[in-house]
Amino acid sequence: MGRTVWLQDRRMQKFRDVLSRWNGGDLSMMEAGELLGMSERQFRRYRDRYEEAGEDGLRDRRLGKLSTRRVPAEAIEEMLELYRNRYVGWNVKHFHEHLIRDHDFSWGYTFIKTQLHAAGLVERAKRRGAHRRKRERKPCEGMMLHQDGSRHAWLAGQPMLDLIVTMDDATSTLYSAFLVAEEGTASSFQGLMETFAAKGLPSSLYTDRGSHYFVTLRAGEAVDKSRLTQVGRALRQLGIEHIPAYSPEARGPLGADVLHLAGSAAKGTGAGRHCRYRGRQPLHRADLSASSQRPLR
């Protein structure tokens, strides 16, 4: 089975699940559309097509067909040769203007820029810093997960350990929490496996920019999403969006809850529990300050 067909089947399965939840009154039309990554209006059109023709009404009929607007490879190579030999060093805007005026090219600016970037002839501009503001939580449970680790002397008489927490963005419900000697790829997979097995797949995962999550070529710069870690590759295969946090505020409820747990441990809450440490040990939710969890809406 091709990857494109597999992804379409998975999207179909997700649509059926969301549609059944909408029919049952668990989701509004706007929330259903957000879960599927589409507008409320588009979700309504998809619903109507599904009711009229079933799954065939939703299948992408473009699969396996070449686009009639596809630019020939020879024309792309001709454009790249022009830049290398006559316009090297020009910015994309001026190069695009001369292609249209002097060489009878009719392609759009964005297409030209994408081809020049792909060929390594023009460097990508650095992203400008975004204005920091508090991000709103997702409207319903299961849409976004947070995962993070916090190093602390969690257990009395034991060395410093990393607490790996995986929790829901909308409700702050803890799905997985355990201690390891050091946070890394294996601990990330463990937390995700426990959560996915119990709750299913989310739409997105929010994490910090640790080296086991993302590749960052230079400190302080944006992550390189073209070079995936093992965690990144697994999430892409599952169709889960992986979102990097660029500020403490962006981490949402997880950062505050982990700090609350650390404060409780420092005051002696739960000290001495589960003292038989053997590499990894699960912690009960009650031991991890259940008061920080909000009730389900």
Protein backbone atom coordinates (compact mmCIF):
# COMPACT_ATOMS: atom_id res chain seq x y z
CA MET A 1 0.00 0.00 0.00
CA GLY A 2 1.40 3.39 -1.00
CA ARG A 3 1.97 6.05 1.65
CA THR A 4 -0.54 8.42 0.00
CA VAL A 5 -3.27 5.78 -0.04
CA TRP A 6 -2.50 4.83 3.57
CA LEU A 7 -2.77 8.45 4.69
CA GLN A 8 -6.06 8.87 2.85
CA ASP A 9 -7.48 5.76 4.56
CA ARG A 10 -6.35 7.09 7.93
CA ARG A 11 -7.97 10.48 7.24
CA MET A 12 -11.16 8.65 6.27
CA GLN A 13 -11.13 6.72 9.53
CA LYS A 14 -10.56 9.92 11.52
CA PHE A 15 -13.42 11.65 9.67
CA ARG A 16 -15.82 8.81 10.50
CA ASP A 17 -14.82 8.97 14.16
CA VAL A 18 -15.29 12.76 14.36
CA LEU A 19 -18.58 12.56 12.44
CA SER A 20 -19.94 9.98 14.88
CA ARG A 21 -18.96 12.21 17.82
CA TRP A 22 -20.68 15.17 16.14
CA ASN A 23 -23.81 13.10 15.50
CA GLY A 24 -23.78 12.11 19.16
CA GLY A 25 -23.67 15.74 20.27
CA ASP A 26 -20.19 15.51 21.83
CA LEU A 27 -18.70 18.07 19.42
CA SER A 28 -19.94 21.24 17.81
CA MET A 29 -19.45 21.67 14.08
CA MET A 30 -16.64 24.15 14.68
CA GLU A 31 -14.82 21.76 17.06
CA ALA A 32 -15.26 18.87 14.59
CA GLY A 33 -13.75 20.98 11.83
CA GLU A 34 -10.77 21.95 14.00
CA LEU A 35 -10.13 18.32 14.88
CA LEU A 36 -9.95 17.54 11.16
CA GLY A 37 -7.91 20.63 10.28
CA MET A 38 -10.65 22.28 8.23
CA SER A 39 -13.22 25.04 8.52
CA GLU A 40 -16.76 24.56 9.79
CA ARG A 41 -18.07 25.13 6.27
CA GLN A 42 -15.75 22.52 4.77
CA PHE A 43 -16.76 19.99 7.43
CA ARG A 44 -20.39 20.59 6.48
CA ARG A 45 -19.59 19.92 2.80
CA TYR A 46 -17.72 16.74 3.70
CA ARG A 47 -20.65 15.56 5.81
CA ASP A 48 -23.09 16.12 2.95
CA ARG A 49 -20.86 14.30 0.45
CA TYR A 50 -20.41 11.39 2.87
CA GLU A 51 -24.17 11.09 3.39
CA GLU A 52 -24.78 11.14 -0.38
CA ALA A 53 -22.01 8.85 -1.68
CA GLY A 54 -20.32 7.29 1.34
CA GLU A 55 -16.52 7.03 1.37
CA ASP A 56 -16.34 7.36 -2.43
CA GLY A 57 -17.65 10.89 -2.10
CA LEU A 58 -14.62 11.85 0.00
CA ARG A 59 -11.84 10.13 -1.93
CA ASP A 60 -9.28 12.36 -3.61
CA ARG A 61 -9.73 11.80 -7.33
CA ARG A 62 -6.36 13.42 -8.07
CA LEU A 63 -4.45 10.41 -6.73
CA GLY A 64 -2.40 8.72 -9.45
CA LYS A 65 -2.93 11.54 -11.97
CA LEU A 66 -0.38 14.11 -13.07
CA SER A 67 -1.44 17.70 -12.65
CA THR A 68 -2.32 19.46 -15.90
CA ARG A 69 -0.54 22.53 -14.52
CA ARG A 70 2.69 20.69 -13.75
CA VAL A 71 5.76 22.60 -14.92
CA PRO A 72 8.06 20.50 -17.17
CA ALA A 73 11.38 19.53 -15.59
CA GLU A 74 13.25 20.98 -18.61
CA ALA A 75 11.70 24.40 -18.02
CA ILE A 76 12.66 24.35 -14.34
CA GLU A 77 16.25 23.45 -15.22
CA GLU A 78 16.33 26.28 -17.78
CA MET A 79 15.20 28.74 -15.10
CA LEU A 80 17.85 27.52 -12.66
CA GLU A 81 20.57 27.82 -15.30
CA LEU A 82 19.51 31.40 -15.98
CA TYR A 83 19.93 32.23 -12.31
CA ARG A 84 23.32 30.49 -12.06
CA ASN A 85 24.78 32.09 -15.19
CA ARG A 86 23.15 35.52 -15.47
CA TYR A 87 21.35 36.50 -12.29
CA VAL A 88 23.41 34.97 -9.48
CA GLY A 89 23.09 36.98 -6.27
CA TRP A 90 19.80 38.65 -7.26
CA ASN A 91 16.96 38.53 -4.80
CA VAL A 92 13.95 36.43 -5.77
CA LYS A 93 11.60 39.36 -6.38
CA HIS A 94 13.85 41.02 -8.98
CA PHE A 95 14.70 37.69 -10.61
CA HIS A 96 11.00 36.85 -10.90
CA GLU A 97 10.25 40.23 -12.52
CA HIS A 98 12.97 39.69 -15.15
CA LEU A 99 11.78 36.15 -15.88
CA ILE A 100 8.33 37.49 -16.72
CA ARG A 101 9.54 40.54 -18.64
CA ASP A 102 12.55 39.19 -20.55
CA HIS A 103 12.15 35.40 -20.75
CA ASP A 104 8.38 34.82 -21.12
CA PHE A 105 8.04 32.82 -17.93
CA SER A 106 4.56 32.89 -16.38
CA TRP A 107 5.10 31.09 -13.07
CA GLY A 108 4.29 32.64 -9.74
CA TYR A 109 6.77 34.23 -7.34
CA THR A 110 6.29 31.54 -4.67
CA PHE A 111 7.02 28.70 -7.13
CA ILE A 112 10.24 30.41 -8.29
CA LYS A 113 11.36 30.97 -4.71
CA THR A 114 10.64 27.35 -3.76
CA GLN A 115 12.70 26.02 -6.67
CA LEU A 116 15.63 28.32 -5.88
CA HIS A 117 15.55 27.24 -2.23
CA ALA A 118 15.40 23.56 -3.20
CA ALA A 119 18.40 23.98 -5.52
CA GLY A 120 20.40 25.78 -2.80
CA LEU A 121 20.82 28.92 -4.91
CA VAL A 122 19.04 31.27 -2.49
CA GLU A 123 19.20 31.13 1.31
CA ARG A 124 15.99 31.01 3.26
CA ALA A 125 15.23 34.19 5.20
CA LYS A 126 15.37 33.95 8.98
CA ARG A 127 12.01 33.87 10.69
CA ARG A 128 11.08 36.99 12.58
CA GLY A 129 10.31 36.64 16.25
CA ALA A 130 6.61 36.27 16.95
CA HIS A 131 4.84 38.40 19.50
CA ARG A 132 4.50 36.37 22.69
CA ARG A 133 1.00 35.87 23.95
CA LYS A 134 -0.70 33.22 26.01
CA ARG A 135 -2.00 30.42 23.83
CA GLU A 136 -5.58 29.30 24.33
CA ARG A 137 -6.12 25.67 25.30
CA LYS A 138 -7.68 23.29 22.80
CA PRO A 139 -11.49 23.04 23.06
CA CYS A 140 -11.72 19.32 23.83
CA GLU A 141 -9.67 16.47 25.27
CA GLY A 142 -7.39 14.49 22.97
CA MET A 143 -6.62 17.19 20.42
CA MET A 144 -3.16 18.12 21.74
CA LEU A 145 -0.72 16.46 24.12
CA HIS A 146 2.18 17.98 26.05
CA GLN A 147 5.28 16.04 26.99
CA ASP A 148 8.20 17.27 29.08
CA GLY A 149 10.79 16.15 31.59
CA SER A 150 11.85 17.76 34.85
CA ARG A 151 15.04 16.92 36.77
CA HIS A 152 14.65 16.95 40.54
CA ALA A 153 15.39 14.98 43.72
CA TRP A 154 11.96 13.38 43.56
CA LEU A 155 12.62 10.52 46.01
CA ALA A 156 14.20 10.81 49.44
CA GLY A 157 17.65 9.25 49.58
CA GLN A 158 17.80 8.76 45.79
CA PRO A 159 19.88 10.59 43.16
CA MET A 160 18.46 13.27 40.86
CA LEU A 161 15.95 11.77 38.42
CA ASP A 162 13.96 12.99 35.41
CA LEU A 163 10.17 12.93 35.69
CA ILE A 164 8.67 12.34 32.22
CA VAL A 165 5.08 13.61 32.03
CA THR A 166 2.61 13.29 29.14
CA MET A 167 -0.65 15.19 29.63
CA ASP A 168 -3.64 16.61 27.82
CA ASP A 169 -3.71 20.27 26.76
CA ALA A 170 -7.43 20.88 27.24
CA THR A 171 -7.94 19.28 30.66
CA SER A 172 -4.42 18.92 32.18
CA THR A 173 -5.14 15.23 32.72
CA LEU A 174 -1.97 13.21 33.33
CA TYR A 175 -1.84 10.23 30.98
CA SER A 176 1.68 9.02 31.74
CA ALA A 177 4.29 9.82 34.39
CA PHE A 178 7.42 7.92 35.38
CA LEU A 179 11.00 8.46 36.56
CA VAL A 180 14.15 7.73 34.56
CA ALA A 181 17.83 8.35 35.11
CA GLU A 182 17.99 10.68 32.10
CA GLU A 183 15.41 12.02 29.64
CA GLY A 184 15.88 10.91 26.03
CA THR A 185 14.39 9.15 23.01
CA ALA A 186 13.50 5.95 24.87
CA SER A 187 11.64 7.79 27.65
CA SER A 188 9.76 9.91 25.09
CA PHE A 189 8.60 6.79 23.23
CA GLN A 190 7.60 5.16 26.52
CA GLY A 191 5.35 8.04 27.51
CA LEU A 192 3.79 8.28 24.04
CA MET A 193 3.26 4.51 23.82
CA GLU A 194 1.44 4.42 27.17
CA THR A 195 -0.76 7.35 26.13
CA PHE A 196 -1.53 6.18 22.58
CA ALA A 197 -2.36 2.65 23.76
CA ALA A 198 -4.81 3.95 26.35
CA LYS A 199 -6.30 7.01 24.63
CA GLY A 200 -5.58 6.78 20.87
CA LEU A 201 -3.75 9.25 18.64
CA PRO A 202 -3.90 13.04 19.13
CA SER A 203 -3.87 15.68 16.41
CA SER A 204 -0.66 17.29 17.69
CA LEU A 205 2.13 17.00 20.26
CA TYR A 206 3.74 20.01 21.97
CA THR A 207 7.27 19.58 23.33
CA ASP A 208 10.40 21.56 24.05
CA ARG A 209 13.24 21.66 21.52
CA GLY A 210 15.42 19.00 23.17
CA SER A 211 17.78 17.12 20.84
CA HIS A 212 15.68 13.94 21.09
CA TYR A 213 12.66 15.90 19.77
CA PHE A 214 14.15 18.29 17.20
CA VAL A 215 17.38 19.09 15.36
CA THR A 216 18.59 22.65 16.01
CA LEU A 217 21.74 23.53 14.08
CA ARG A 218 22.58 26.59 16.19
CA ALA A 219 21.50 27.46 19.70
CA GLY A 220 18.69 29.98 19.77
CA GLU A 221 17.63 29.40 16.16
CA ALA A 222 14.51 27.70 14.86
CA VAL A 223 14.41 23.91 14.63
CA ASP A 224 15.27 22.25 11.32
CA LYS A 225 12.05 20.46 10.35
CA SER A 226 13.69 18.89 7.29
CA ARG A 227 15.96 16.79 9.56
CA LEU A 228 13.82 14.61 11.78
CA THR A 229 14.79 12.77 14.95
CA GLN A 230 13.50 9.27 15.68
CA VAL A 231 10.59 10.80 17.58
CA GLY A 232 9.89 13.22 14.72
CA ARG A 233 9.89 10.44 12.12
CA ALA A 234 7.50 8.31 14.17
CA LEU A 235 5.08 11.21 14.64
CA ARG A 236 5.16 12.02 10.93
CA GLN A 237 4.38 8.39 10.07
CA LEU A 238 1.37 8.56 12.40
CA GLY A 239 0.19 11.88 10.95
CA ILE A 240 0.65 13.77 14.24
CA GLU A 241 1.80 17.40 14.05
CA HIS A 242 4.91 18.01 16.18
CA ILE A 243 5.01 21.58 17.54
CA PRO A 244 8.17 23.02 19.15
CA ALA A 245 7.87 25.43 22.09
CA TYR A 246 9.89 28.64 21.68
CA SER A 247 9.10 30.19 25.05
CA PRO A 248 8.19 29.03 28.57
CA GLU A 249 4.72 30.54 28.06
CA ALA A 250 4.17 28.36 24.98
CA ARG A 251 4.44 25.17 27.03
CA GLY A 252 0.96 25.77 28.35
CA PRO A 253 -0.29 23.81 31.39
CA LEU A 254 2.59 21.33 31.54
CA GLY A 255 5.28 23.73 32.70
CA ALA A 256 3.18 25.01 35.60
CA ASP A 257 2.09 21.53 36.69
CA VAL A 258 5.62 20.11 36.68
CA LEU A 259 6.81 23.08 38.73
CA HIS A 260 3.95 22.40 41.15
CA LEU A 261 5.04 18.77 41.45
CA ALA A 262 8.63 19.85 42.10
CA GLY A 263 7.46 22.21 44.82
CA SER A 264 5.43 19.46 46.47
CA ALA A 265 8.40 17.09 46.42
CA ALA A 266 10.66 19.74 47.93
CA LYS A 267 8.22 20.12 50.85
CA GLY A 268 8.22 16.37 51.42
CA THR A 269 4.97 15.39 49.70
CA GLY A 270 5.31 11.82 48.58
CA ALA A 271 8.90 11.52 49.85
CA GLY A 272 10.02 7.97 50.34
CA ARG A 273 7.33 6.38 48.17
CA HIS A 274 8.34 3.80 45.58
CA CYS A 275 11.92 3.75 46.86
CA ARG A 276 12.95 0.64 44.91
CA TYR A 277 14.38 2.41 41.90
CA ARG A 278 15.38 0.17 38.97
CA GLY A 279 15.84 2.37 35.93
CA ARG A 280 12.15 3.31 35.44
CA GLN A 281 9.22 3.28 37.80
CA PRO A 282 5.62 4.41 37.34
CA LEU A 283 4.13 6.94 39.73
CA HIS A 284 0.50 6.94 40.75
CA ARG A 285 -1.50 10.00 39.74
CA ALA A 286 -2.37 10.58 43.38
CA ASP A 287 1.34 10.88 44.16
CA LEU A 288 1.69 13.50 41.43
CA SER A 289 -0.67 16.06 42.99
CA ALA A 290 -4.07 15.34 41.54
CA SER A 291 -5.17 18.81 42.67
CA SER A 292 -3.40 20.29 39.65
CA GLN A 293 -5.76 18.47 37.30
CA ARG A 294 -8.93 20.23 36.22
CA PRO A 295 -12.16 18.17 35.95
CA LEU A 296 -13.29 17.13 32.49
CA ARG A 297 -15.75 19.51 30.88
